[in-house]
Amino acid sequence: MSAGHALITGGSSGIGRALGRQLMSRGYDVSMIARRKALLEAAAAELRSCAKHSKQRVEIYQADVSDQTQAEAATKEAIDHLGNPDLVVTSAGTAVPGYFGDISASSFRNAMEVNYFGTLYVIRAALPSMLAHKKGRIVLISSGAALMGIFGYASYGPSKFAVRGLAETLRSELRLSNVGVSVAYPPDTETPMLEEENKTKPEETKRITGLVKAWTADAVAASILRGVDRRSFSITPGLTLTLMHRLPGIMIPLLSWYSDRLVDGVQRACVTPPAMQAKTIGS
């Protein structure tokens, strides 16, 4: 018998795919929603090899979660096929770091559409079924960049702050229901998304994020599932993020001060600091 139905967005790669593997090993049926069909098919084959027993199912749905119609249709189809979700994980995300003046208006908009609205649409589509069945847990994947503003993440950070705000509101509203809510704040994680980030990441950002070694996707996924097992609301992998979350009045000013020193060191080496250059901010 299946341990339940886990619905994962962004399940074709990175943290979402790692969560899928680990949930399959626990006996779950898994449905995955992502944009790229080839990656979804490859992920599905990999997940099936991790199954605990032969009757487990993996279903894939090609959809862009930033599109409300596609996100809602894929979520409802997954529920029709595999039943009410016992776990909904919104892992789909995008990040394009850069200097504020260099980031296009479309990139700011896309970050909100994928990271925030892509989370919102799927939860809105899944929640009625979960409430009707009086069970399940929603896990919103935010970011360590939602615990403090980080140089170079002017488009990504605010979108993840929005996810954090949504999670806190949902926790309050669903507190007396049997639907639980968790929000995870992963550190830099060795994923295809991080590889893409590194292509546009300013040197100042590299110095700041380099303070903590990137985690593997499997390690982050395991940490998230431990938090789910404990029914934790906030899931903060690693000591640094845990202290940032629990002792913000101490850790955030300290980290901000040290980050500023790193930024100053990089910009002193420039004739004209990139962040201070006159730019035309356009789309």
C-alpha atoms as a PDB file:
ATOM      1  CA  MET A   1       0.000   0.000   0.000  1.00  0.00           C
ATOM      2  CA  SER A   2       1.229   3.509  -0.842  1.00  0.00           C
ATOM      3  CA  ALA A   3       2.396   5.754   1.978  1.00  0.00           C
ATOM      4  CA  GLY A   4       0.410   8.526   0.299  1.00  0.00           C
ATOM      5  CA  HIS A   5       0.501  10.919  -2.645  1.00  0.00           C
ATOM      6  CA  ALA A   6       3.246  13.546  -2.840  1.00  0.00           C
ATOM      7  CA  LEU A   7       2.801  16.309  -5.418  1.00  0.00           C
ATOM      8  CA  ILE A   8       5.999  18.193  -6.281  1.00  0.00           C
ATOM      9  CA  THR A   9       6.468  21.205  -8.537  1.00  0.00           C
ATOM     10  CA  GLY A  10       9.898  21.648 -10.062  1.00  0.00           C
ATOM     11  CA  GLY A  11      10.315  17.911  -9.597  1.00  0.00           C
ATOM     12  CA  SER A  12      12.360  17.368 -12.744  1.00  0.00           C
ATOM     13  CA  SER A  13      15.629  18.605 -11.200  1.00  0.00           C
ATOM     14  CA  GLY A  14      17.379  19.894  -8.106  1.00  0.00           C
ATOM     15  CA  ILE A  15      15.756  19.775  -4.680  1.00  0.00           C
ATOM     16  CA  GLY A  16      12.381  18.719  -6.099  1.00  0.00           C
ATOM     17  CA  ARG A  17      13.877  15.705  -7.846  1.00  0.00           C
ATOM     18  CA  ALA A  18      15.857  14.738  -4.736  1.00  0.00           C
ATOM     19  CA  LEU A  19      12.678  14.937  -2.670  1.00  0.00           C
ATOM     20  CA  GLY A  20      10.944  12.729  -5.213  1.00  0.00           C
ATOM     21  CA  ARG A  21      13.628  10.052  -4.922  1.00  0.00           C
ATOM     22  CA  GLN A  22      13.494  10.065  -1.139  1.00  0.00           C
ATOM     23  CA  LEU A  23       9.705  10.011  -1.021  1.00  0.00           C
ATOM     24  CA  MET A  24       9.636   7.062  -3.432  1.00  0.00           C
ATOM     25  CA  SER A  25      12.016   5.216  -1.118  1.00  0.00           C
ATOM     26  CA  ARG A  26       9.476   5.843   1.657  1.00  0.00           C
ATOM     27  CA  GLY A  27       6.681   4.265  -0.376  1.00  0.00           C
ATOM     28  CA  TYR A  28       4.878   7.341  -1.710  1.00  0.00           C
ATOM     29  CA  ASP A  29       3.216   7.726  -5.072  1.00  0.00           C
ATOM     30  CA  VAL A  30       4.689  10.861  -6.639  1.00  0.00           C
ATOM     31  CA  SER A  31       3.336  13.340  -9.159  1.00  0.00           C
ATOM     32  CA  MET A  32       5.702  15.910 -10.644  1.00  0.00           C
ATOM     33  CA  ILE A  33       4.929  19.170 -12.409  1.00  0.00           C
ATOM     34  CA  ALA A  34       7.596  20.948 -14.463  1.00  0.00           C
ATOM     35  CA  ARG A  35       8.077  22.737 -17.779  1.00  0.00           C
ATOM     36  CA  ARG A  36      10.473  20.447 -19.638  1.00  0.00           C
ATOM     37  CA  LYS A  37       9.065  17.120 -20.767  1.00  0.00           C
ATOM     38  CA  ALA A  38      12.397  15.406 -21.431  1.00  0.00           C
ATOM     39  CA  LEU A  39      13.651  16.210 -17.938  1.00  0.00           C
ATOM     40  CA  LEU A  40      10.360  15.073 -16.437  1.00  0.00           C
ATOM     41  CA  GLU A  41      10.575  11.740 -18.235  1.00  0.00           C
ATOM     42  CA  ALA A  42      14.174  11.213 -17.120  1.00  0.00           C
ATOM     43  CA  ALA A  43      13.268  12.110 -13.531  1.00  0.00           C
ATOM     44  CA  ALA A  44      10.296   9.730 -13.592  1.00  0.00           C
ATOM     45  CA  ALA A  45      12.502   6.852 -14.724  1.00  0.00           C
ATOM     46  CA  GLU A  46      14.977   7.627 -11.946  1.00  0.00           C
ATOM     47  CA  LEU A  47      12.238   7.845  -9.314  1.00  0.00           C
ATOM     48  CA  ARG A  48      10.756   4.507 -10.340  1.00  0.00           C
ATOM     49  CA  SER A  49      14.138   2.899  -9.690  1.00  0.00           C
ATOM     50  CA  CYS A  50      13.925   4.199  -6.099  1.00  0.00           C
ATOM     51  CA  ALA A  51      10.512   2.673  -5.400  1.00  0.00           C
ATOM     52  CA  LYS A  52      10.008   0.799  -2.164  1.00  0.00           C
ATOM     53  CA  HIS A  53       7.547  -1.604  -3.798  1.00  0.00           C
ATOM     54  CA  SER A  54       6.304  -2.420  -7.297  1.00  0.00           C
ATOM     55  CA  LYS A  55       2.839  -0.861  -6.976  1.00  0.00           C
ATOM     56  CA  GLN A  56       4.058   2.700  -6.497  1.00  0.00           C
ATOM     57  CA  ARG A  57       3.194   5.160  -9.238  1.00  0.00           C
ATOM     58  CA  VAL A  58       4.976   8.158 -10.724  1.00  0.00           C
ATOM     59  CA  GLU A  59       2.978  10.587 -12.854  1.00  0.00           C
ATOM     60  CA  ILE A  60       4.367  13.589 -14.712  1.00  0.00           C
ATOM     61  CA  TYR A  61       2.618  16.741 -15.909  1.00  0.00           C
ATOM     62  CA  GLN A  62       4.209  19.242 -18.249  1.00  0.00           C
ATOM     63  CA  ALA A  63       3.137  22.727 -17.183  1.00  0.00           C
ATOM     64  CA  ASP A  64       4.487  26.191 -16.497  1.00  0.00           C
ATOM     65  CA  VAL A  65       3.430  26.939 -12.922  1.00  0.00           C
ATOM     66  CA  SER A  66       3.686  30.686 -13.563  1.00  0.00           C
ATOM     67  CA  ASP A  67       0.675  30.286 -15.859  1.00  0.00           C
ATOM     68  CA  GLN A  68      -2.427  30.037 -13.672  1.00  0.00           C
ATOM     69  CA  THR A  69      -4.420  27.929 -16.116  1.00  0.00           C
ATOM     70  CA  GLN A  70      -1.605  25.422 -16.638  1.00  0.00           C
ATOM     71  CA  ALA A  71      -0.718  25.222 -12.941  1.00  0.00           C
ATOM     72  CA  GLU A  72      -4.289  24.637 -11.814  1.00  0.00           C
ATOM     73  CA  ALA A  73      -5.027  22.118 -14.583  1.00  0.00           C
ATOM     74  CA  ALA A  74      -1.888  20.064 -13.837  1.00  0.00           C
ATOM     75  CA  THR A  75      -2.564  20.062 -10.093  1.00  0.00           C
ATOM     76  CA  LYS A  76      -6.171  18.960 -10.510  1.00  0.00           C
ATOM     77  CA  GLU A  77      -5.172  16.279 -13.012  1.00  0.00           C
ATOM     78  CA  ALA A  78      -2.577  14.921 -10.584  1.00  0.00           C
ATOM     79  CA  ILE A  79      -5.227  14.737  -7.843  1.00  0.00           C
ATOM     80  CA  ASP A  80      -7.656  13.007 -10.209  1.00  0.00           C
ATOM     81  CA  HIS A  81      -5.012  10.364 -11.017  1.00  0.00           C
ATOM     82  CA  LEU A  82      -3.369   9.766  -7.643  1.00  0.00           C
ATOM     83  CA  GLY A  83      -5.899  11.056  -5.147  1.00  0.00           C
ATOM     84  CA  ASN A  84      -5.779  13.732  -2.497  1.00  0.00           C
ATOM     85  CA  PRO A  85      -2.183  14.846  -1.889  1.00  0.00           C
ATOM     86  CA  ASP A  86      -0.763  13.993   1.516  1.00  0.00           C
ATOM     87  CA  LEU A  87       2.173  16.254   0.717  1.00  0.00           C
ATOM     88  CA  VAL A  88       2.374  19.247  -1.634  1.00  0.00           C
ATOM     89  CA  VAL A  89       5.865  20.649  -2.207  1.00  0.00           C
ATOM     90  CA  THR A  90       6.238  23.836  -4.231  1.00  0.00           C
ATOM     91  CA  SER A  91       9.845  23.591  -5.380  1.00  0.00           C
ATOM     92  CA  ALA A  92       9.715  25.237  -8.806  1.00  0.00           C
ATOM     93  CA  GLY A  93      11.891  28.336  -8.859  1.00  0.00           C
ATOM     94  CA  THR A  94      14.110  30.649 -10.836  1.00  0.00           C
ATOM     95  CA  ALA A  95      16.936  33.049  -9.972  1.00  0.00           C
ATOM     96  CA  VAL A  96      18.826  35.591 -12.076  1.00  0.00           C
ATOM     97  CA  PRO A  97      21.276  37.460  -9.836  1.00  0.00           C
ATOM     98  CA  GLY A  98      22.897  40.686 -10.946  1.00  0.00           C
ATOM     99  CA  TYR A  99      23.358  44.347 -10.129  1.00  0.00           C
ATOM    100  CA  PHE A 100      19.996  46.049  -9.606  1.00  0.00           C
ATOM    101  CA  GLY A 101      20.417  48.368 -12.587  1.00  0.00           C
ATOM    102  CA  ASP A 102      21.366  45.478 -14.873  1.00  0.00           C
ATOM    103  CA  ILE A 103      18.378  43.280 -14.087  1.00  0.00           C
ATOM    104  CA  SER A 104      15.608  43.735 -16.634  1.00  0.00           C
ATOM    105  CA  ALA A 105      12.058  44.535 -15.613  1.00  0.00           C
ATOM    106  CA  SER A 106      11.004  41.241 -17.186  1.00  0.00           C
ATOM    107  CA  SER A 107      13.394  39.346 -14.903  1.00  0.00           C
ATOM    108  CA  PHE A 108      11.873  40.997 -11.821  1.00  0.00           C
ATOM    109  CA  ARG A 109       8.429  40.097 -13.094  1.00  0.00           C
ATOM    110  CA  ASN A 110       9.401  36.524 -13.971  1.00  0.00           C
ATOM    111  CA  ALA A 111      10.855  35.930 -10.500  1.00  0.00           C
ATOM    112  CA  MET A 112       7.530  36.832  -8.923  1.00  0.00           C
ATOM    113  CA  GLU A 113       5.527  34.883 -11.476  1.00  0.00           C
ATOM    114  CA  VAL A 114       7.497  31.655 -11.023  1.00  0.00           C
ATOM    115  CA  ASN A 115       8.589  31.793  -7.392  1.00  0.00           C
ATOM    116  CA  TYR A 116       5.548  33.398  -5.792  1.00  0.00           C
ATOM    117  CA  PHE A 117       2.588  32.990  -8.117  1.00  0.00           C
ATOM    118  CA  GLY A 118       3.781  29.539  -9.214  1.00  0.00           C
ATOM    119  CA  THR A 119       3.590  28.568  -5.544  1.00  0.00           C
ATOM    120  CA  LEU A 120       0.268  30.306  -4.976  1.00  0.00           C
ATOM    121  CA  TYR A 121      -1.558  28.803  -7.979  1.00  0.00           C
ATOM    122  CA  VAL A 122      -0.666  25.205  -7.087  1.00  0.00           C
ATOM    123  CA  ILE A 123      -1.616  25.603  -3.428  1.00  0.00           C
ATOM    124  CA  ARG A 124      -4.933  27.223  -4.354  1.00  0.00           C
ATOM    125  CA  ALA A 125      -5.689  24.289  -6.650  1.00  0.00           C
ATOM    126  CA  ALA A 126      -4.704  21.579  -4.141  1.00  0.00           C
ATOM    127  CA  LEU A 127      -5.988  23.025  -0.867  1.00  0.00           C
ATOM    128  CA  PRO A 128      -9.753  22.438  -1.355  1.00  0.00           C
ATOM    129  CA  SER A 129      -9.177  18.686  -1.713  1.00  0.00           C
ATOM    130  CA  MET A 130      -6.857  18.621   1.296  1.00  0.00           C
ATOM    131  CA  LEU A 131      -9.382  20.484   3.441  1.00  0.00           C
ATOM    132  CA  ALA A 132     -12.198  18.212   2.278  1.00  0.00           C
ATOM    133  CA  HIS A 133     -10.156  15.134   3.241  1.00  0.00           C
ATOM    134  CA  LYS A 134      -8.955  16.844   6.438  1.00  0.00           C
ATOM    135  CA  LYS A 135      -5.344  15.818   5.963  1.00  0.00           C
ATOM    136  CA  GLY A 136      -2.055  16.684   4.279  1.00  0.00           C
ATOM    137  CA  ARG A 137       0.866  19.069   4.572  1.00  0.00           C
ATOM    138  CA  ILE A 138       1.973  21.896   2.301  1.00  0.00           C
ATOM    139  CA  VAL A 139       5.708  22.593   2.079  1.00  0.00           C
ATOM    140  CA  LEU A 140       6.629  25.917   0.516  1.00  0.00           C
ATOM    141  CA  ILE A 141      10.252  26.123  -0.621  1.00  0.00           C
ATOM    142  CA  SER A 142      11.484  29.626   0.123  1.00  0.00           C
ATOM    143  CA  SER A 143      15.218  30.370   0.451  1.00  0.00           C
ATOM    144  CA  GLY A 144      17.898  31.477   2.861  1.00  0.00           C
ATOM    145  CA  ALA A 145      17.696  34.688   0.809  1.00  0.00           C
ATOM    146  CA  ALA A 146      14.291  35.276   2.431  1.00  0.00           C
ATOM    147  CA  LEU A 147      15.882  35.623   5.870  1.00  0.00           C
ATOM    148  CA  MET A 148      17.890  38.734   4.913  1.00  0.00           C
ATOM    149  CA  GLY A 149      18.455  40.827   1.828  1.00  0.00           C
ATOM    150  CA  ILE A 150      21.554  39.699  -0.069  1.00  0.00           C
ATOM    151  CA  PHE A 151      23.601  41.807  -2.477  1.00  0.00           C
ATOM    152  CA  GLY A 152      22.830  40.815  -6.072  1.00  0.00           C
ATOM    153  CA  TYR A 153      19.488  39.132  -5.408  1.00  0.00           C
ATOM    154  CA  ALA A 154      17.198  42.108  -5.957  1.00  0.00           C
ATOM    155  CA  SER A 155      14.785  40.073  -8.105  1.00  0.00           C
ATOM    156  CA  TYR A 156      15.087  36.666  -6.429  1.00  0.00           C
ATOM    157  CA  GLY A 157      15.128  37.660  -2.755  1.00  0.00           C
ATOM    158  CA  PRO A 158      11.864  39.648  -2.673  1.00  0.00           C
ATOM    159  CA  SER A 159      10.027  36.848  -4.486  1.00  0.00           C
ATOM    160  CA  LYS A 160      11.174  34.406  -1.796  1.00  0.00           C
ATOM    161  CA  PHE A 161      10.262  36.884   0.949  1.00  0.00           C
ATOM    162  CA  ALA A 162       6.771  36.785  -0.611  1.00  0.00           C
ATOM    163  CA  VAL A 163       6.731  32.986  -0.358  1.00  0.00           C
ATOM    164  CA  ARG A 164       7.703  33.303   3.302  1.00  0.00           C
ATOM    165  CA  GLY A 165       4.840  35.742   3.887  1.00  0.00           C
ATOM    166  CA  LEU A 166       2.385  33.412   2.181  1.00  0.00           C
ATOM    167  CA  ALA A 167       3.533  30.489   4.333  1.00  0.00           C
ATOM    168  CA  GLU A 168       3.153  32.493   7.551  1.00  0.00           C
ATOM    169  CA  THR A 169      -0.351  33.589   6.566  1.00  0.00           C
ATOM    170  CA  LEU A 170      -1.396  30.054   5.588  1.00  0.00           C
ATOM    171  CA  ARG A 171      -0.067  28.671   8.868  1.00  0.00           C
ATOM    172  CA  SER A 172      -2.242  31.120  10.754  1.00  0.00           C
ATOM    173  CA  GLU A 173      -5.369  30.475   8.677  1.00  0.00           C
ATOM    174  CA  LEU A 174      -5.026  26.668   8.610  1.00  0.00           C
ATOM    175  CA  ARG A 175      -3.922  26.273  12.235  1.00  0.00           C
ATOM    176  CA  LEU A 176      -7.212  24.685  13.343  1.00  0.00           C
ATOM    177  CA  SER A 177      -7.568  22.486  10.264  1.00  0.00           C
ATOM    178  CA  ASN A 178      -5.817  19.167   9.758  1.00  0.00           C
ATOM    179  CA  VAL A 179      -3.711  20.589   6.926  1.00  0.00           C
ATOM    180  CA  GLY A 180      -0.203  21.435   8.074  1.00  0.00           C
ATOM    181  CA  VAL A 181       2.112  24.077   6.631  1.00  0.00           C
ATOM    182  CA  SER A 182       5.905  24.170   6.495  1.00  0.00           C
ATOM    183  CA  VAL A 183       8.288  26.630   4.882  1.00  0.00           C
ATOM    184  CA  ALA A 184      11.846  25.612   4.025  1.00  0.00           C
ATOM    185  CA  TYR A 185      14.784  27.999   3.705  1.00  0.00           C
ATOM    186  CA  PRO A 186      17.446  26.091   1.733  1.00  0.00           C
ATOM    187  CA  PRO A 187      21.030  27.378   1.526  1.00  0.00           C
ATOM    188  CA  ASP A 188      22.909  27.451  -1.787  1.00  0.00           C
ATOM    189  CA  THR A 189      22.359  23.984  -3.221  1.00  0.00           C
ATOM    190  CA  GLU A 190      24.274  22.120  -5.928  1.00  0.00           C
ATOM    191  CA  THR A 191      21.586  22.195  -8.619  1.00  0.00           C
ATOM    192  CA  PRO A 192      21.278  23.208 -12.280  1.00  0.00           C
ATOM    193  CA  MET A 193      19.658  26.441 -11.040  1.00  0.00           C
ATOM    194  CA  LEU A 194      22.770  27.337  -9.026  1.00  0.00           C
ATOM    195  CA  GLU A 195      24.926  26.662 -12.085  1.00  0.00           C
ATOM    196  CA  GLU A 196      22.836  29.165 -14.018  1.00  0.00           C
ATOM    197  CA  GLU A 197      22.988  31.683 -11.156  1.00  0.00           C
ATOM    198  CA  ASN A 198      26.773  31.557 -11.150  1.00  0.00           C
ATOM    199  CA  LYS A 199      26.832  32.775 -14.760  1.00  0.00           C
ATOM    200  CA  THR A 200      25.449  36.195 -13.804  1.00  0.00           C
ATOM    201  CA  LYS A 201      26.297  36.407 -10.089  1.00  0.00           C
ATOM    202  CA  PRO A 202      28.252  39.583  -9.238  1.00  0.00           C
ATOM    203  CA  GLU A 203      31.653  39.111  -7.613  1.00  0.00           C
ATOM    204  CA  GLU A 204      30.310  40.678  -4.416  1.00  0.00           C
ATOM    205  CA  THR A 205      27.540  38.066  -4.294  1.00  0.00           C
ATOM    206  CA  LYS A 206      30.024  35.267  -4.866  1.00  0.00           C
ATOM    207  CA  ARG A 207      32.070  36.456  -1.891  1.00  0.00           C
ATOM    208  CA  ILE A 208      28.992  36.590   0.358  1.00  0.00           C
ATOM    209  CA  THR A 209      27.448  33.265  -0.666  1.00  0.00           C
ATOM    210  CA  GLY A 210      30.890  31.649  -0.588  1.00  0.00           C
ATOM    211  CA  LEU A 211      30.924  32.015   3.199  1.00  0.00           C
ATOM    212  CA  VAL A 212      28.899  28.800   3.429  1.00  0.00           C
ATOM    213  CA  LYS A 213      29.617  25.721   1.330  1.00  0.00           C
ATOM    214  CA  ALA A 214      26.793  24.690  -0.992  1.00  0.00           C
ATOM    215  CA  TRP A 215      24.775  21.685   0.111  1.00  0.00           C
ATOM    216  CA  THR A 216      23.878  18.727  -2.087  1.00  0.00           C
ATOM    217  CA  ALA A 217      20.253  18.464  -3.192  1.00  0.00           C
ATOM    218  CA  ASP A 218      19.956  15.131  -1.380  1.00  0.00           C
ATOM    219  CA  ALA A 219      21.145  16.656   1.909  1.00  0.00           C
ATOM    220  CA  VAL A 220      18.674  19.535   1.628  1.00  0.00           C
ATOM    221  CA  ALA A 221      15.844  17.142   0.746  1.00  0.00           C
ATOM    222  CA  ALA A 222      16.658  14.946   3.738  1.00  0.00           C
ATOM    223  CA  SER A 223      16.640  17.996   6.015  1.00  0.00           C
ATOM    224  CA  ILE A 224      13.263  19.095   4.658  1.00  0.00           C
ATOM    225  CA  LEU A 225      11.737  15.658   5.199  1.00  0.00           C
ATOM    226  CA  ARG A 226      13.049  15.549   8.765  1.00  0.00           C
ATOM    227  CA  GLY A 227      11.255  18.844   9.325  1.00  0.00           C
ATOM    228  CA  VAL A 228       8.090  17.415   7.783  1.00  0.00           C
ATOM    229  CA  ASP A 229       8.328  14.354  10.038  1.00  0.00           C
ATOM    230  CA  ARG A 230       8.545  16.677  13.058  1.00  0.00           C
ATOM    231  CA  ARG A 231       5.685  18.801  11.695  1.00  0.00           C
ATOM    232  CA  SER A 232       7.923  21.832  11.915  1.00  0.00           C
ATOM    233  CA  PHE A 233       6.702  25.087  10.466  1.00  0.00           C
ATOM    234  CA  SER A 234      10.129  26.584   9.715  1.00  0.00           C
ATOM    235  CA  ILE A 235      12.777  24.284   8.246  1.00  0.00           C
ATOM    236  CA  THR A 236      16.283  25.754   8.222  1.00  0.00           C
ATOM    237  CA  PRO A 237      19.001  23.373   7.007  1.00  0.00           C
ATOM    238  CA  GLY A 238      22.312  23.969   8.773  1.00  0.00           C
ATOM    239  CA  LEU A 239      23.469  25.984  11.770  1.00  0.00           C
ATOM    240  CA  THR A 240      23.881  29.341  10.011  1.00  0.00           C
ATOM    241  CA  LEU A 241      20.312  29.494   8.681  1.00  0.00           C
ATOM    242  CA  THR A 242      18.921  28.144  11.950  1.00  0.00           C
ATOM    243  CA  LEU A 243      20.625  30.941  13.889  1.00  0.00           C
ATOM    244  CA  MET A 244      19.505  33.533  11.332  1.00  0.00           C
ATOM    245  CA  HIS A 245      15.927  32.389  11.818  1.00  0.00           C
ATOM    246  CA  ARG A 246      15.967  31.977  15.587  1.00  0.00           C
ATOM    247  CA  LEU A 247      18.218  34.905  16.522  1.00  0.00           C
ATOM    248  CA  PRO A 248      17.593  37.476  13.782  1.00  0.00           C
ATOM    249  CA  GLY A 249      18.274  40.423  16.062  1.00  0.00           C
ATOM    250  CA  ILE A 250      21.834  39.207  16.540  1.00  0.00           C
ATOM    251  CA  MET A 251      22.663  37.277  13.375  1.00  0.00           C
ATOM    252  CA  ILE A 252      21.207  39.552  10.694  1.00  0.00           C
ATOM    253  CA  PRO A 253      23.083  42.720  11.783  1.00  0.00           C
ATOM    254  CA  LEU A 254      26.281  40.686  12.226  1.00  0.00           C
ATOM    255  CA  LEU A 255      25.998  39.063   8.794  1.00  0.00           C
ATOM    256  CA  SER A 256      25.001  42.362   7.199  1.00  0.00           C
ATOM    257  CA  TRP A 257      28.068  44.055   8.691  1.00  0.00           C
ATOM    258  CA  TYR A 258      30.368  41.286   7.447  1.00  0.00           C
ATOM    259  CA  SER A 259      28.722  41.228   4.019  1.00  0.00           C
ATOM    260  CA  ASP A 260      29.239  44.975   3.735  1.00  0.00           C
ATOM    261  CA  ARG A 261      32.953  44.493   4.462  1.00  0.00           C
ATOM    262  CA  LEU A 262      33.174  41.897   1.680  1.00  0.00           C
ATOM    263  CA  VAL A 263      31.375  44.196  -0.744  1.00  0.00           C
ATOM    264  CA  ASP A 264      33.643  47.099   0.194  1.00  0.00           C
ATOM    265  CA  GLY A 265      36.695  44.949  -0.469  1.00  0.00           C
ATOM    266  CA  VAL A 266      35.514  44.066  -3.968  1.00  0.00           C
ATOM    267  CA  GLN A 267      34.422  47.584  -4.866  1.00  0.00           C
ATOM    268  CA  ARG A 268      37.598  49.253  -3.622  1.00  0.00           C
ATOM    269  CA  ALA A 269      39.410  47.237  -6.256  1.00  0.00           C
ATOM    270  CA  CYS A 270      37.201  48.807  -8.952  1.00  0.00           C
ATOM    271  CA  VAL A 271      37.849  52.257 -10.390  1.00  0.00           C
ATOM    272  CA  THR A 272      34.084  52.815 -10.327  1.00  0.00           C
ATOM    273  CA  PRO A 273      32.102  50.361  -8.157  1.00  0.00           C
ATOM    274  CA  PRO A 274      29.584  48.537 -10.379  1.00  0.00           C
ATOM    275  CA  ALA A 275      26.722  49.159  -7.949  1.00  0.00           C
ATOM    276  CA  MET A 276      27.437  52.927  -8.110  1.00  0.00           C
ATOM    277  CA  GLN A 277      27.849  53.327 -11.841  1.00  0.00           C
ATOM    278  CA  ALA A 278      25.299  55.515 -13.592  1.00  0.00           C
ATOM    279  CA  LYS A 279      22.914  53.217 -15.426  1.00  0.00           C
ATOM    280  CA  THR A 280      19.760  53.508 -17.427  1.00  0.00           C
ATOM    281  CA  ILE A 281      17.316  51.172 -15.715  1.00  0.00           C
ATOM    282  CA  GLY A 282      15.067  49.751 -18.378  1.00  0.00           C
ATOM    283  CA  SER A 283      13.342  46.580 -19.426  1.00  0.00           C
END
